[in-house]
Every structure is written in C-alpha cells, then in structure tokens.
Amino acid sequence: MRTYLEKRRPGVGILFCRMEILPNLFGEWSLHQEWGLVGLSCQTRMDWFADWEQAITALTTLEVAKRQRGYWVEPQQLAMFA
C-alpha cells in the first residue's frame, strides 16, 4: 500500500510526502517515508512493525496528520498538464 501527498507553498515550492508499506525478509512490515521539496533532495525514514495491521494504522495516522496540515492527494499524471 502506498500514498503520495503534495502541498503547494507560494515562494517555497511544492512539498511532497510519499509513504509505502513494504515486507521485509524477516516476516515484518516496514513503513518507508520520503518527504521534502519536489526536485530537491529528500529525507527518508523507515519504521518496522510486527504485522500488517500495525503498519496500516501507522500509515493512516500519518496521512490524516499530513492532510490536517494542508497536504492532499495529487494525481501525478494530471499535475504535469496543469
């Protein structure tokens, strides 16, 4: 499962946040996050969870927090034509 959010800030640029849940070799699940300014280097973070439900809960919580800060789901293909 993955999600991509963007936030436009006049004078700064477009901020993005990408989150994805991935399995690892030990039967655990990881929540991989990337965030920063579009076109520049980004920061990353990876958190590990014992099961899928914990990882989904963490991703959902982060997505809700980001949306409350003004981020929204931006269809990448449509954004190229705007």
PDB file of N, CA and C in Angstrom:
ATOM      1  N   MET A   1       0.847  -1.165   0.000  1.00  0.00           N
ATOM      2  CA  MET A   1       0.000   0.000   0.000  1.00  0.00           C
ATOM      3  C   MET A   1       0.896   1.233   0.000  1.00  0.00           C
ATOM      4  N   ARG A   2       0.501   2.247  -0.776  1.00  0.00           N
ATOM      5  CA  ARG A   2       1.287   3.466  -0.834  1.00  0.00           C
ATOM      6  C   ARG A   2       0.376   4.672  -1.010  1.00  0.00           C
ATOM      7  N   THR A   3       0.891   5.819  -0.632  1.00  0.00           N
ATOM      8  CA  THR A   3       0.168   7.071  -0.818  1.00  0.00           C
ATOM      9  C   THR A   3       1.165   8.179  -1.135  1.00  0.00           C
ATOM     10  N   TYR A   4       0.703   9.168  -1.865  1.00  0.00           N
ATOM     11  CA  TYR A   4       1.533  10.305  -2.252  1.00  0.00           C
ATOM     12  C   TYR A   4       0.724  11.571  -2.016  1.00  0.00           C
ATOM     13  N   LEU A   5       1.286  12.507  -1.256  1.00  0.00           N
ATOM     14  CA  LEU A   5       0.603  13.750  -0.927  1.00  0.00           C
ATOM     15  C   LEU A   5       1.477  14.940  -1.316  1.00  0.00           C
ATOM     16  N   GLU A   6       0.843  16.040  -1.670  1.00  0.00           N
ATOM     17  CA  GLU A   6       1.563  17.265  -2.005  1.00  0.00           C
ATOM     18  C   GLU A   6       0.937  18.458  -1.312  1.00  0.00           C
ATOM     19  N   LYS A   7       1.757  19.504  -1.164  1.00  0.00           N
ATOM     20  CA  LYS A   7       1.293  20.761  -0.599  1.00  0.00           C
ATOM     21  C   LYS A   7       2.041  21.885  -1.307  1.00  0.00           C
ATOM     22  N   ARG A   8       1.304  22.813  -1.894  1.00  0.00           N
ATOM     23  CA  ARG A   8       1.932  23.951  -2.574  1.00  0.00           C
ATOM     24  C   ARG A   8       2.129  25.083  -1.584  1.00  0.00           C
ATOM     25  N   ARG A   9       3.343  25.634  -1.580  1.00  0.00           N
ATOM     26  CA  ARG A   9       3.639  26.782  -0.724  1.00  0.00           C
ATOM     27  C   ARG A   9       4.220  27.886  -1.586  1.00  0.00           C
ATOM     28  N   PRO A  10       3.469  28.977  -1.760  1.00  0.00           N
ATOM     29  CA  PRO A  10       3.962  30.090  -2.582  1.00  0.00           C
ATOM     30  C   PRO A  10       5.309  30.596  -2.067  1.00  0.00           C
ATOM     31  N   GLY A  11       6.221  30.799  -2.989  1.00  0.00           N
ATOM     32  CA  GLY A  11       7.544  31.284  -2.643  1.00  0.00           C
ATOM     33  C   GLY A  11       8.515  30.211  -2.203  1.00  0.00           C
ATOM     34  N   VAL A  12       8.006  29.011  -1.935  1.00  0.00           N
ATOM     35  CA  VAL A  12       8.860  27.909  -1.489  1.00  0.00           C
ATOM     36  C   VAL A  12       8.901  26.815  -2.540  1.00  0.00           C
ATOM     37  N   GLY A  13       7.746  26.397  -3.020  1.00  0.00           N
ATOM     38  CA  GLY A  13       7.653  25.317  -3.993  1.00  0.00           C
ATOM     39  C   GLY A  13       6.599  24.313  -3.585  1.00  0.00           C
ATOM     40  N   ILE A  14       6.766  23.112  -4.084  1.00  0.00           N
ATOM     41  CA  ILE A  14       5.817  22.038  -3.802  1.00  0.00           C
ATOM     42  C   ILE A  14       6.476  21.049  -2.847  1.00  0.00           C
ATOM     43  N   LEU A  15       5.856  20.882  -1.703  1.00  0.00           N
ATOM     44  CA  LEU A  15       6.311  19.887  -0.739  1.00  0.00           C
ATOM     45  C   LEU A  15       5.613  18.565  -1.041  1.00  0.00           C
ATOM     46  N   PHE A  16       6.303  17.461  -0.814  1.00  0.00           N
ATOM     47  CA  PHE A  16       5.682  16.161  -1.046  1.00  0.00           C
ATOM     48  C   PHE A  16       5.953  15.232   0.118  1.00  0.00           C
ATOM     49  N   CYS A  17       5.119  14.232   0.231  1.00  0.00           N
ATOM     50  CA  CYS A  17       5.295  13.166   1.214  1.00  0.00           C
ATOM     51  C   CYS A  17       4.839  11.863   0.559  1.00  0.00           C
ATOM     52  N   ARG A  18       5.738  10.905   0.487  1.00  0.00           N
ATOM     53  CA  ARG A  18       5.426   9.595  -0.101  1.00  0.00           C
ATOM     54  C   ARG A  18       5.570   8.549   1.004  1.00  0.00           C
ATOM     55  N   MET A  19       4.567   7.711   1.163  1.00  0.00           N
ATOM     56  CA  MET A  19       4.594   6.661   2.186  1.00  0.00           C
ATOM     57  C   MET A  19       4.225   5.335   1.543  1.00  0.00           C
ATOM     58  N   GLU A  20       4.931   4.291   1.938  1.00  0.00           N
ATOM     59  CA  GLU A  20       4.695   2.970   1.340  1.00  0.00           C
ATOM     60  C   GLU A  20       4.971   1.886   2.382  1.00  0.00           C
ATOM     61  N   ILE A  21       4.138   0.876   2.396  1.00  0.00           N
ATOM     62  CA  ILE A  21       4.330  -0.265   3.288  1.00  0.00           C
ATOM     63  C   ILE A  21       4.949  -1.406   2.475  1.00  0.00           C
ATOM     64  N   LEU A  22       6.056  -1.933   2.991  1.00  0.00           N
ATOM     65  CA  LEU A  22       6.795  -2.982   2.295  1.00  0.00           C
ATOM     66  C   LEU A  22       7.104  -4.137   3.244  1.00  0.00           C
ATOM     67  N   PRO A  23       7.099  -5.381   2.744  1.00  0.00           N
ATOM     68  CA  PRO A  23       7.507  -6.512   3.590  1.00  0.00           C
ATOM     69  C   PRO A  23       9.037  -6.586   3.647  1.00  0.00           C
ATOM     70  N   ASN A  24       9.556  -7.200   4.707  1.00  0.00           N
ATOM     71  CA  ASN A  24      10.998  -7.441   4.748  1.00  0.00           C
ATOM     72  C   ASN A  24      11.256  -8.944   4.807  1.00  0.00           C
ATOM     73  N   LEU A  25      12.505  -9.325   4.854  1.00  0.00           N
ATOM     74  CA  LEU A  25      12.875 -10.742   4.792  1.00  0.00           C
ATOM     75  C   LEU A  25      12.554 -11.514   6.069  1.00  0.00           C
ATOM     76  N   PHE A  26      12.215 -10.819   7.148  1.00  0.00           N
ATOM     77  CA  PHE A  26      12.000 -11.467   8.433  1.00  0.00           C
ATOM     78  C   PHE A  26      10.526 -11.594   8.797  1.00  0.00           C
ATOM     79  N   GLY A  27       9.634 -11.376   7.831  1.00  0.00           N
ATOM     80  CA  GLY A  27       8.207 -11.505   8.081  1.00  0.00           C
ATOM     81  C   GLY A  27       7.580 -10.285   8.711  1.00  0.00           C
ATOM     82  N   GLU A  28       8.343  -9.216   8.828  1.00  0.00           N
ATOM     83  CA  GLU A  28       7.826  -7.973   9.386  1.00  0.00           C
ATOM     84  C   GLU A  28       7.436  -7.038   8.239  1.00  0.00           C
ATOM     85  N   TRP A  29       6.859  -5.896   8.606  1.00  0.00           N
ATOM     86  CA  TRP A  29       6.438  -4.907   7.623  1.00  0.00           C
ATOM     87  C   TRP A  29       7.115  -3.588   7.952  1.00  0.00           C
ATOM     88  N   SER A  30       7.504  -2.852   6.924  1.00  0.00           N
ATOM     89  CA  SER A  30       8.141  -1.560   7.156  1.00  0.00           C
ATOM     90  C   SER A  30       7.339  -0.457   6.492  1.00  0.00           C
ATOM     91  N   LEU A  31       7.294   0.677   7.152  1.00  0.00           N
ATOM     92  CA  LEU A  31       6.671   1.875   6.609  1.00  0.00           C
ATOM     93  C   LEU A  31       7.798   2.791   6.170  1.00  0.00           C
ATOM     94  N   HIS A  32       7.951   2.948   4.862  1.00  0.00           N
ATOM     95  CA  HIS A  32       9.003   3.772   4.278  1.00  0.00           C
ATOM     96  C   HIS A  32       8.411   5.131   3.953  1.00  0.00           C
ATOM     97  N   GLN A  33       9.029   6.207   4.446  1.00  0.00           N
ATOM     98  CA  GLN A  33       8.546   7.562   4.213  1.00  0.00           C
ATOM     99  C   GLN A  33       9.633   8.387   3.522  1.00  0.00           C
ATOM    100  N   GLU A  34       9.240   9.196   2.575  1.00  0.00           N
ATOM    101  CA  GLU A  34      10.118  10.183   1.943  1.00  0.00           C
ATOM    102  C   GLU A  34       9.377  11.508   1.938  1.00  0.00           C
ATOM    103  N   TRP A  35      10.081  12.598   2.230  1.00  0.00           N
ATOM    104  CA  TRP A  35       9.441  13.901   2.191  1.00  0.00           C
ATOM    105  C   TRP A  35      10.484  14.966   1.876  1.00  0.00           C
ATOM    106  N   GLY A  36       9.999  16.087   1.339  1.00  0.00           N
ATOM    107  CA  GLY A  36      10.879  17.199   1.004  1.00  0.00           C
ATOM    108  C   GLY A  36      10.265  18.065  -0.071  1.00  0.00           C
ATOM    109  N   LEU A  37      11.109  18.850  -0.735  1.00  0.00           N
ATOM    110  CA  LEU A  37      10.679  19.698  -1.842  1.00  0.00           C
ATOM    111  C   LEU A  37      10.838  18.933  -3.151  1.00  0.00           C
ATOM    112  N   VAL A  38       9.843  19.039  -4.016  1.00  0.00           N
ATOM    113  CA  VAL A  38       9.906  18.370  -5.316  1.00  0.00           C
ATOM    114  C   VAL A  38      11.103  18.926  -6.079  1.00  0.00           C
ATOM    115  N   GLY A  39      11.914  18.047  -6.638  1.00  0.00           N
ATOM    116  CA  GLY A  39      13.067  18.446  -7.428  1.00  0.00           C
ATOM    117  C   GLY A  39      14.349  18.599  -6.634  1.00  0.00           C
ATOM    118  N   LEU A  40      14.281  18.522  -5.328  1.00  0.00           N
ATOM    119  CA  LEU A  40      15.463  18.612  -4.481  1.00  0.00           C
ATOM    120  C   LEU A  40      15.624  17.324  -3.699  1.00  0.00           C
ATOM    121  N   SER A  41      16.717  17.221  -2.968  1.00  0.00           N
ATOM    122  CA  SER A  41      16.925  16.011  -2.178  1.00  0.00           C
ATOM    123  C   SER A  41      15.850  15.899  -1.101  1.00  0.00           C
ATOM    124  N   CYS A  42      15.589  14.681  -0.695  1.00  0.00           N
ATOM    125  CA  CYS A  42      14.532  14.456   0.284  1.00  0.00           C
ATOM    126  C   CYS A  42      15.092  13.731   1.502  1.00  0.00           C
ATOM    127  N   GLN A  43      14.290  13.690   2.529  1.00  0.00           N
ATOM    128  CA  GLN A  43      14.626  12.940   3.730  1.00  0.00           C
ATOM    129  C   GLN A  43      13.840  11.641   3.707  1.00  0.00           C
ATOM    130  N   THR A  44      14.402  10.619   4.338  1.00  0.00           N
ATOM    131  CA  THR A  44      13.716   9.332   4.385  1.00  0.00           C
ATOM    132  C   THR A  44      13.709   8.807   5.813  1.00  0.00           C
ATOM    133  N   ARG A  45      12.753   7.945   6.064  1.00  0.00           N
ATOM    134  CA  ARG A  45      12.636   7.288   7.365  1.00  0.00           C
ATOM    135  C   ARG A  45      11.958   5.938   7.148  1.00  0.00           C
ATOM    136  N   MET A  46      12.400   4.935   7.907  1.00  0.00           N
ATOM    137  CA  MET A  46      11.787   3.628   7.830  1.00  0.00           C
ATOM    138  C   MET A  46      11.486   3.133   9.242  1.00  0.00           C
ATOM    139  N   ASP A  47      10.233   2.737   9.467  1.00  0.00           N
ATOM    140  CA  ASP A  47       9.805   2.187  10.748  1.00  0.00           C
ATOM    141  C   ASP A  47       9.345   0.749  10.515  1.00  0.00           C
ATOM    142  N   TRP A  48       9.643  -0.142  11.473  1.00  0.00           N
ATOM    143  CA  TRP A  48       9.284  -1.548  11.341  1.00  0.00           C
ATOM    144  C   TRP A  48       8.130  -1.902  12.264  1.00  0.00           C
ATOM    145  N   PHE A  49       7.274  -2.811  11.772  1.00  0.00           N
ATOM    146  CA  PHE A  49       6.105  -3.257  12.529  1.00  0.00           C
ATOM    147  C   PHE A  49       6.008  -4.777  12.450  1.00  0.00           C
ATOM    148  N   ALA A  50       5.467  -5.375  13.502  1.00  0.00           N
ATOM    149  CA  ALA A  50       5.374  -6.834  13.581  1.00  0.00           C
ATOM    150  C   ALA A  50       4.343  -7.396  12.616  1.00  0.00           C
ATOM    151  N   ASP A  51       3.263  -6.638  12.346  1.00  0.00           N
ATOM    152  CA  ASP A  51       2.246  -7.150  11.428  1.00  0.00           C
ATOM    153  C   ASP A  51       1.681  -6.031  10.547  1.00  0.00           C
ATOM    154  N   TRP A  52       0.942  -6.463   9.540  1.00  0.00           N
ATOM    155  CA  TRP A  52       0.374  -5.586   8.522  1.00  0.00           C
ATOM    156  C   TRP A  52      -0.570  -4.550   9.131  1.00  0.00           C
ATOM    157  N   GLU A  53      -1.392  -4.958  10.087  1.00  0.00           N
ATOM    158  CA  GLU A  53      -2.384  -4.054  10.674  1.00  0.00           C
ATOM    159  C   GLU A  53      -1.724  -2.876  11.386  1.00  0.00           C
ATOM    160  N   GLN A  54      -0.633  -3.131  12.091  1.00  0.00           N
ATOM    161  CA  GLN A  54       0.088  -2.049  12.763  1.00  0.00           C
ATOM    162  C   GLN A  54       0.665  -1.066  11.744  1.00  0.00           C
ATOM    163  N   ALA A  55       1.192  -1.595  10.654  1.00  0.00           N
ATOM    164  CA  ALA A  55       1.767  -0.733   9.618  1.00  0.00           C
ATOM    165  C   ALA A  55       0.680   0.113   8.951  1.00  0.00           C
ATOM    166  N   ILE A  56      -0.479  -0.483   8.665  1.00  0.00           N
ATOM    167  CA  ILE A  56      -1.597   0.262   8.064  1.00  0.00           C
ATOM    168  C   ILE A  56      -2.081   1.358   9.006  1.00  0.00           C
ATOM    169  N   THR A  57      -2.177   1.043  10.285  1.00  0.00           N
ATOM    170  CA  THR A  57      -2.605   2.034  11.270  1.00  0.00           C
ATOM    171  C   THR A  57      -1.632   3.209  11.306  1.00  0.00           C
ATOM    172  N   ALA A  58      -0.338   2.927  11.274  1.00  0.00           N
ATOM    173  CA  ALA A  58       0.672   3.990  11.282  1.00  0.00           C
ATOM    174  C   ALA A  58       0.584   4.843  10.020  1.00  0.00           C
ATOM    175  N   LEU A  59       0.433   4.215   8.856  1.00  0.00           N
ATOM    176  CA  LEU A  59       0.317   4.964   7.604  1.00  0.00           C
ATOM    177  C   LEU A  59      -0.931   5.836   7.616  1.00  0.00           C
ATOM    178  N   THR A  60      -2.049   5.294   8.062  1.00  0.00           N
ATOM    179  CA  THR A  60      -3.301   6.052   8.102  1.00  0.00           C
ATOM    180  C   THR A  60      -3.188   7.238   9.049  1.00  0.00           C
ATOM    181  N   THR A  61      -2.575   7.035  10.202  1.00  0.00           N
ATOM    182  CA  THR A  61      -2.391   8.116  11.170  1.00  0.00           C
ATOM    183  C   THR A  61      -1.534   9.230  10.584  1.00  0.00           C
ATOM    184  N   LEU A  62      -0.436   8.860   9.912  1.00  0.00           N
ATOM    185  CA  LEU A  62       0.423   9.863   9.289  1.00  0.00           C
ATOM    186  C   LEU A  62      -0.298  10.622   8.178  1.00  0.00           C
ATOM    187  N   GLU A  63      -1.081   9.889   7.376  1.00  0.00           N
ATOM    188  CA  GLU A  63      -1.802  10.536   6.283  1.00  0.00           C
ATOM    189  C   GLU A  63      -2.826  11.538   6.814  1.00  0.00           C
ATOM    190  N   VAL A  64      -3.538  11.181   7.860  1.00  0.00           N
ATOM    191  CA  VAL A  64      -4.514  12.092   8.463  1.00  0.00           C
ATOM    192  C   VAL A  64      -3.815  13.340   8.993  1.00  0.00           C
ATOM    193  N   ALA A  65      -2.676  13.161   9.657  1.00  0.00           N
ATOM    194  CA  ALA A  65      -1.929  14.308  10.194  1.00  0.00           C
ATOM    195  C   ALA A  65      -1.450  15.221   9.070  1.00  0.00           C
ATOM    196  N   LYS A  66      -0.964  14.641   7.984  1.00  0.00           N
ATOM    197  CA  LYS A  66      -0.496  15.452   6.845  1.00  0.00           C
ATOM    198  C   LYS A  66      -1.653  16.211   6.204  1.00  0.00           C
ATOM    199  N   ARG A  67      -2.789  15.559   6.051  1.00  0.00           N
ATOM    200  CA  ARG A  67      -3.959  16.235   5.460  1.00  0.00           C
ATOM    201  C   ARG A  67      -4.426  17.389   6.339  1.00  0.00           C
ATOM    202  N   GLN A  68      -4.324  17.241   7.643  1.00  0.00           N
ATOM    203  CA  GLN A  68      -4.693  18.331   8.540  1.00  0.00           C
ATOM    204  C   GLN A  68      -3.737  19.511   8.408  1.00  0.00           C
ATOM    205  N   ARG A  69      -2.531  19.253   7.920  1.00  0.00           N
ATOM    206  CA  ARG A  69      -1.549  20.320   7.702  1.00  0.00           C
ATOM    207  C   ARG A  69      -1.611  20.893   6.290  1.00  0.00           C
ATOM    208  N   GLY A  70      -2.604  20.475   5.502  1.00  0.00           N
ATOM    209  CA  GLY A  70      -2.784  21.063   4.183  1.00  0.00           C
ATOM    210  C   GLY A  70      -2.301  20.235   3.009  1.00  0.00           C
ATOM    211  N   TYR A  71      -1.831  19.032   3.237  1.00  0.00           N
ATOM    212  CA  TYR A  71      -1.423  18.156   2.132  1.00  0.00           C
ATOM    213  C   TYR A  71      -2.656  17.511   1.519  1.00  0.00           C
ATOM    214  N   TRP A  72      -2.571  17.157   0.241  1.00  0.00           N
ATOM    215  CA  TRP A  72      -3.673  16.484  -0.429  1.00  0.00           C
ATOM    216  C   TRP A  72      -3.109  15.494  -1.434  1.00  0.00           C
ATOM    217  N   VAL A  73      -3.970  14.570  -1.860  1.00  0.00           N
ATOM    218  CA  VAL A  73      -3.565  13.582  -2.861  1.00  0.00           C
ATOM    219  C   VAL A  73      -3.530  14.278  -4.211  1.00  0.00           C
ATOM    220  N   GLU A  74      -2.401  14.217  -4.860  1.00  0.00           N
ATOM    221  CA  GLU A  74      -2.213  14.885  -6.144  1.00  0.00           C
ATOM    222  C   GLU A  74      -1.958  13.824  -7.214  1.00  0.00           C
ATOM    223  N   PRO A  75      -2.892  13.631  -8.162  1.00  0.00           N
ATOM    224  CA  PRO A  75      -2.612  12.697  -9.258  1.00  0.00           C
ATOM    225  C   PRO A  75      -1.414  13.196 -10.056  1.00  0.00           C
ATOM    226  N   GLN A  76      -0.344  12.457 -10.054  1.00  0.00           N
ATOM    227  CA  GLN A  76       0.908  12.903 -10.672  1.00  0.00           C
ATOM    228  C   GLN A  76       0.752  13.151 -12.167  1.00  0.00           C
ATOM    229  N   GLN A  77      -0.010  12.313 -12.863  1.00  0.00           N
ATOM    230  CA  GLN A  77      -0.136  12.475 -14.293  1.00  0.00           C
ATOM    231  C   GLN A  77      -0.881  13.764 -14.642  1.00  0.00           C
ATOM    232  N   LEU A  78      -1.928  14.101 -13.880  1.00  0.00           N
ATOM    233  CA  LEU A  78      -2.677  15.314 -14.150  1.00  0.00           C
ATOM    234  C   LEU A  78      -1.870  16.563 -13.798  1.00  0.00           C
ATOM    235  N   ALA A  79      -1.007  16.473 -12.818  1.00  0.00           N
ATOM    236  CA  ALA A  79      -0.220  17.619 -12.393  1.00  0.00           C
ATOM    237  C   ALA A  79       0.750  18.067 -13.480  1.00  0.00           C
ATOM    238  N   MET A  80       1.148  17.153 -14.359  1.00  0.00           N
ATOM    239  CA  MET A  80       2.101  17.518 -15.416  1.00  0.00           C
ATOM    240  C   MET A  80       1.449  18.468 -16.435  1.00  0.00           C
ATOM    241  N   PHE A  81       0.125  18.452 -16.534  1.00  0.00           N
ATOM    242  CA  PHE A  81      -0.553  19.264 -17.532  1.00  0.00           C
ATOM    243  C   PHE A  81      -1.155  20.533 -16.947  1.00  0.00           C
ATOM    244  N   ALA A  82      -1.015  20.743 -15.657  1.00  0.00           N
ATOM    245  CA  ALA A  82      -1.605  21.920 -15.023  1.00  0.00           C
ATOM    246  C   ALA A  82      -0.744  23.150 -15.190  1.00  0.00           C
TER     247      ALA A  82
END
